[in-house]
Amino acid sequence: MRVRPALILLCLIPGMATAQTFTTVDEVKPILTATQGSWIAVRNWQGQDLVYFTQVESWRCGLREIRYSVNGAAEAVKPMEPCYTDAPSPNAFQDSAHQPYVSFPAGSVETVSVTLVYSDGSTTEASFNRAQVELR
């Protein structure tokens, strides 16, 4: 049986994997960079287009804000739940009233640009065509 090097490393350094709470820029930026193609999703649902930010908001600790623009319009800021730093899972969603999406008229979303502003002021940007991120 072949053991993967990453598994060996985790066994040799107990607690290393659990030491991160993913609440800082240094912890969340690599994850968000690696998953950039999944930052948003677009879905036509009950007569409206919903632009979901669930993936980004799942790593919101370490972010200052999420800015977005639909079809080249002026940027808006997507409200986020706070980072629950005193909780065992600081990025877990707790507010049942919070919506991880913004809505637009059905069929109107063609492009979405997203700018993540990290707590250190650095930014990362990405642009998406509807066809790239549409849920069916």
C-alpha atoms as a PDB file:
ATOM      1  CA  MET A   1       0.000   0.000   0.000  1.00  0.00           C
ATOM      2  CA  ARG A   2       1.353   3.408  -0.986  1.00  0.00           C
ATOM      3  CA  VAL A   3       0.900   6.234   1.537  1.00  0.00           C
ATOM      4  CA  ARG A   4       0.615   9.753   0.186  1.00  0.00           C
ATOM      5  CA  PRO A   5       3.245  12.266   1.374  1.00  0.00           C
ATOM      6  CA  ALA A   6       0.580  14.716   2.563  1.00  0.00           C
ATOM      7  CA  LEU A   7      -0.917  12.048   4.818  1.00  0.00           C
ATOM      8  CA  ILE A   8       2.483  11.308   6.301  1.00  0.00           C
ATOM      9  CA  LEU A   9       3.051  15.005   6.980  1.00  0.00           C
ATOM     10  CA  LEU A  10      -0.289  15.303   8.774  1.00  0.00           C
ATOM     11  CA  CYS A  11       0.561  12.306  10.957  1.00  0.00           C
ATOM     12  CA  LEU A  12       4.003  13.679  11.836  1.00  0.00           C
ATOM     13  CA  ILE A  13       2.748  17.082  12.878  1.00  0.00           C
ATOM     14  CA  PRO A  14      -0.297  16.537  15.098  1.00  0.00           C
ATOM     15  CA  GLY A  15      -2.598  19.482  15.378  1.00  0.00           C
ATOM     16  CA  MET A  16      -1.219  21.280  12.337  1.00  0.00           C
ATOM     17  CA  ALA A  17      -4.360  20.727  10.284  1.00  0.00           C
ATOM     18  CA  THR A  18      -6.637  21.807  13.117  1.00  0.00           C
ATOM     19  CA  ALA A  19      -4.559  24.818  14.150  1.00  0.00           C
ATOM     20  CA  GLN A  20      -5.968  26.931  11.333  1.00  0.00           C
ATOM     21  CA  THR A  21      -9.328  28.562  11.933  1.00  0.00           C
ATOM     22  CA  PHE A  22      -9.380  30.186   8.497  1.00  0.00           C
ATOM     23  CA  THR A  23      -9.966  33.667   9.878  1.00  0.00           C
ATOM     24  CA  THR A  24      -6.974  35.520   8.430  1.00  0.00           C
ATOM     25  CA  VAL A  25      -5.932  36.688   4.988  1.00  0.00           C
ATOM     26  CA  ASP A  26      -2.999  34.281   5.002  1.00  0.00           C
ATOM     27  CA  GLU A  27      -5.360  31.361   5.609  1.00  0.00           C
ATOM     28  CA  VAL A  28      -8.263  32.207   3.291  1.00  0.00           C
ATOM     29  CA  LYS A  29      -6.534  33.899   0.352  1.00  0.00           C
ATOM     30  CA  PRO A  30      -4.900  30.680  -0.955  1.00  0.00           C
ATOM     31  CA  ILE A  31      -8.248  28.886  -0.782  1.00  0.00           C
ATOM     32  CA  LEU A  32     -10.125  31.653  -2.568  1.00  0.00           C
ATOM     33  CA  THR A  33      -7.377  31.923  -5.174  1.00  0.00           C
ATOM     34  CA  ALA A  34      -7.506  28.181  -5.858  1.00  0.00           C
ATOM     35  CA  THR A  35     -11.309  28.184  -6.125  1.00  0.00           C
ATOM     36  CA  GLN A  36     -11.695  31.398  -8.115  1.00  0.00           C
ATOM     37  CA  GLY A  37     -13.748  29.691 -10.835  1.00  0.00           C
ATOM     38  CA  SER A  38     -16.389  28.817  -8.226  1.00  0.00           C
ATOM     39  CA  TRP A  39     -16.754  32.181  -6.508  1.00  0.00           C
ATOM     40  CA  ILE A  40     -20.265  32.692  -7.842  1.00  0.00           C
ATOM     41  CA  ALA A  41     -23.103  30.817  -9.464  1.00  0.00           C
ATOM     42  CA  VAL A  42     -26.095  32.132 -11.410  1.00  0.00           C
ATOM     43  CA  ARG A  43     -29.488  30.474 -11.277  1.00  0.00           C
ATOM     44  CA  ASN A  44     -32.840  31.321 -12.801  1.00  0.00           C
ATOM     45  CA  TRP A  45     -35.264  30.626  -9.974  1.00  0.00           C
ATOM     46  CA  GLN A  46     -38.939  31.473  -9.637  1.00  0.00           C
ATOM     47  CA  GLY A  47     -38.900  34.312 -12.134  1.00  0.00           C
ATOM     48  CA  GLN A  48     -35.609  35.920 -11.181  1.00  0.00           C
ATOM     49  CA  ASP A  49     -31.873  35.509 -11.664  1.00  0.00           C
ATOM     50  CA  LEU A  50     -30.043  34.761  -8.436  1.00  0.00           C
ATOM     51  CA  VAL A  51     -26.306  35.396  -8.198  1.00  0.00           C
ATOM     52  CA  TYR A  52     -24.971  33.196  -5.403  1.00  0.00           C
ATOM     53  CA  PHE A  53     -21.844  34.115  -3.424  1.00  0.00           C
ATOM     54  CA  THR A  54     -22.023  31.062  -1.152  1.00  0.00           C
ATOM     55  CA  GLN A  55     -18.522  29.779  -1.900  1.00  0.00           C
ATOM     56  CA  VAL A  56     -16.873  33.143  -1.168  1.00  0.00           C
ATOM     57  CA  GLU A  57     -18.994  33.799   1.903  1.00  0.00           C
ATOM     58  CA  SER A  58     -17.987  30.387   3.249  1.00  0.00           C
ATOM     59  CA  TRP A  59     -14.451  31.830   3.566  1.00  0.00           C
ATOM     60  CA  ARG A  60     -15.488  35.380   4.558  1.00  0.00           C
ATOM     61  CA  CYS A  61     -13.250  35.573   7.613  1.00  0.00           C
ATOM     62  CA  GLY A  62     -10.208  37.428   6.337  1.00  0.00           C
ATOM     63  CA  LEU A  63     -12.348  39.456   3.903  1.00  0.00           C
ATOM     64  CA  ARG A  64     -13.294  43.090   4.344  1.00  0.00           C
ATOM     65  CA  GLU A  65     -15.920  43.063   1.593  1.00  0.00           C
ATOM     66  CA  ILE A  66     -17.188  41.477  -1.586  1.00  0.00           C
ATOM     67  CA  ARG A  67     -17.763  43.890  -4.455  1.00  0.00           C
ATOM     68  CA  TYR A  68     -19.615  42.862  -7.582  1.00  0.00           C
ATOM     69  CA  SER A  69     -20.849  44.324 -10.844  1.00  0.00           C
ATOM     70  CA  VAL A  70     -23.502  42.799 -13.075  1.00  0.00           C
ATOM     71  CA  ASN A  71     -23.396  43.520 -16.817  1.00  0.00           C
ATOM     72  CA  GLY A  72     -20.826  46.297 -16.331  1.00  0.00           C
ATOM     73  CA  ALA A  73     -22.999  48.364 -13.968  1.00  0.00           C
ATOM     74  CA  ALA A  74     -21.532  50.246 -11.022  1.00  0.00           C
ATOM     75  CA  GLU A  75     -20.019  48.071  -8.310  1.00  0.00           C
ATOM     76  CA  ALA A  76     -22.138  47.145  -5.318  1.00  0.00           C
ATOM     77  CA  VAL A  77     -21.101  45.602  -2.010  1.00  0.00           C
ATOM     78  CA  LYS A  78     -22.521  42.208  -1.086  1.00  0.00           C
ATOM     79  CA  PRO A  79     -23.483  42.123   2.603  1.00  0.00           C
ATOM     80  CA  MET A  80     -21.870  39.267   4.544  1.00  0.00           C
ATOM     81  CA  GLU A  81     -22.473  37.660   7.890  1.00  0.00           C
ATOM     82  CA  PRO A  82     -19.795  38.537  10.425  1.00  0.00           C
ATOM     83  CA  CYS A  83     -16.903  36.230  11.178  1.00  0.00           C
ATOM     84  CA  TYR A  84     -17.794  34.435  14.395  1.00  0.00           C
ATOM     85  CA  THR A  85     -14.282  34.385  15.850  1.00  0.00           C
ATOM     86  CA  ASP A  86     -15.421  33.041  19.223  1.00  0.00           C
ATOM     87  CA  ALA A  87     -17.213  30.065  17.649  1.00  0.00           C
ATOM     88  CA  PRO A  88     -15.586  26.685  16.923  1.00  0.00           C
ATOM     89  CA  SER A  89     -16.334  27.227  13.195  1.00  0.00           C
ATOM     90  CA  PRO A  90     -15.931  30.973  12.623  1.00  0.00           C
ATOM     91  CA  ASN A  91     -17.015  30.826   8.959  1.00  0.00           C
ATOM     92  CA  ALA A  92     -20.191  28.805   9.609  1.00  0.00           C
ATOM     93  CA  PHE A  93     -23.460  30.491   8.694  1.00  0.00           C
ATOM     94  CA  GLN A  94     -25.543  31.337  11.757  1.00  0.00           C
ATOM     95  CA  ASP A  95     -27.974  34.047  10.640  1.00  0.00           C
ATOM     96  CA  SER A  96     -30.969  32.308   9.048  1.00  0.00           C
ATOM     97  CA  ALA A  97     -32.177  35.651   7.652  1.00  0.00           C
ATOM     98  CA  HIS A  98     -28.966  36.238   5.668  1.00  0.00           C
ATOM     99  CA  GLN A  99     -29.193  35.445   1.970  1.00  0.00           C
ATOM    100  CA  PRO A 100     -26.009  34.291   0.204  1.00  0.00           C
ATOM    101  CA  TYR A 101     -27.313  35.695  -3.094  1.00  0.00           C
ATOM    102  CA  VAL A 102     -28.552  38.859  -4.789  1.00  0.00           C
ATOM    103  CA  SER A 103     -31.486  38.856  -7.200  1.00  0.00           C
ATOM    104  CA  PHE A 104     -32.093  40.400 -10.602  1.00  0.00           C
ATOM    105  CA  PRO A 105     -34.853  40.177 -13.235  1.00  0.00           C
ATOM    106  CA  ALA A 106     -35.045  36.773 -14.925  1.00  0.00           C
ATOM    107  CA  GLY A 107     -32.605  36.364 -17.804  1.00  0.00           C
ATOM    108  CA  SER A 108     -30.903  39.707 -17.177  1.00  0.00           C
ATOM    109  CA  VAL A 109     -27.551  38.543 -15.778  1.00  0.00           C
ATOM    110  CA  GLU A 110     -25.037  38.118 -18.602  1.00  0.00           C
ATOM    111  CA  THR A 111     -21.728  38.921 -16.880  1.00  0.00           C
ATOM    112  CA  VAL A 112     -20.589  39.295 -13.287  1.00  0.00           C
ATOM    113  CA  SER A 113     -17.343  40.851 -12.083  1.00  0.00           C
ATOM    114  CA  VAL A 114     -16.244  40.197  -8.511  1.00  0.00           C
ATOM    115  CA  THR A 115     -13.613  41.935  -6.407  1.00  0.00           C
ATOM    116  CA  LEU A 116     -12.636  40.457  -3.077  1.00  0.00           C
ATOM    117  CA  VAL A 117     -11.180  42.965  -0.642  1.00  0.00           C
ATOM    118  CA  TYR A 118      -9.146  41.211   2.031  1.00  0.00           C
ATOM    119  CA  SER A 119      -8.780  42.537   5.560  1.00  0.00           C
ATOM    120  CA  ASP A 120      -5.228  43.669   4.734  1.00  0.00           C
ATOM    121  CA  GLY A 121      -6.557  45.842   1.867  1.00  0.00           C
ATOM    122  CA  SER A 122      -5.295  43.616  -0.948  1.00  0.00           C
ATOM    123  CA  THR A 123      -7.724  42.643  -3.685  1.00  0.00           C
ATOM    124  CA  THR A 124      -8.358  39.832  -6.130  1.00  0.00           C
ATOM    125  CA  GLU A 125     -10.679  40.172  -9.121  1.00  0.00           C
ATOM    126  CA  ALA A 126     -12.453  37.789 -11.457  1.00  0.00           C
ATOM    127  CA  SER A 127     -15.038  38.089 -14.210  1.00  0.00           C
ATOM    128  CA  PHE A 128     -17.574  35.486 -15.271  1.00  0.00           C
ATOM    129  CA  ASN A 129     -19.903  34.976 -18.202  1.00  0.00           C
ATOM    130  CA  ARG A 130     -23.263  33.507 -17.301  1.00  0.00           C
ATOM    131  CA  ALA A 131     -22.572  30.318 -19.272  1.00  0.00           C
ATOM    132  CA  GLN A 132     -19.463  29.649 -17.107  1.00  0.00           C
ATOM    133  CA  VAL A 133     -21.323  29.706 -13.800  1.00  0.00           C
ATOM    134  CA  GLU A 134     -24.984  28.980 -14.527  1.00  0.00           C
ATOM    135  CA  LEU A 135     -26.670  26.304 -12.450  1.00  0.00           C
ATOM    136  CA  ARG A 136     -29.221  24.237 -14.340  1.00  0.00           C
END
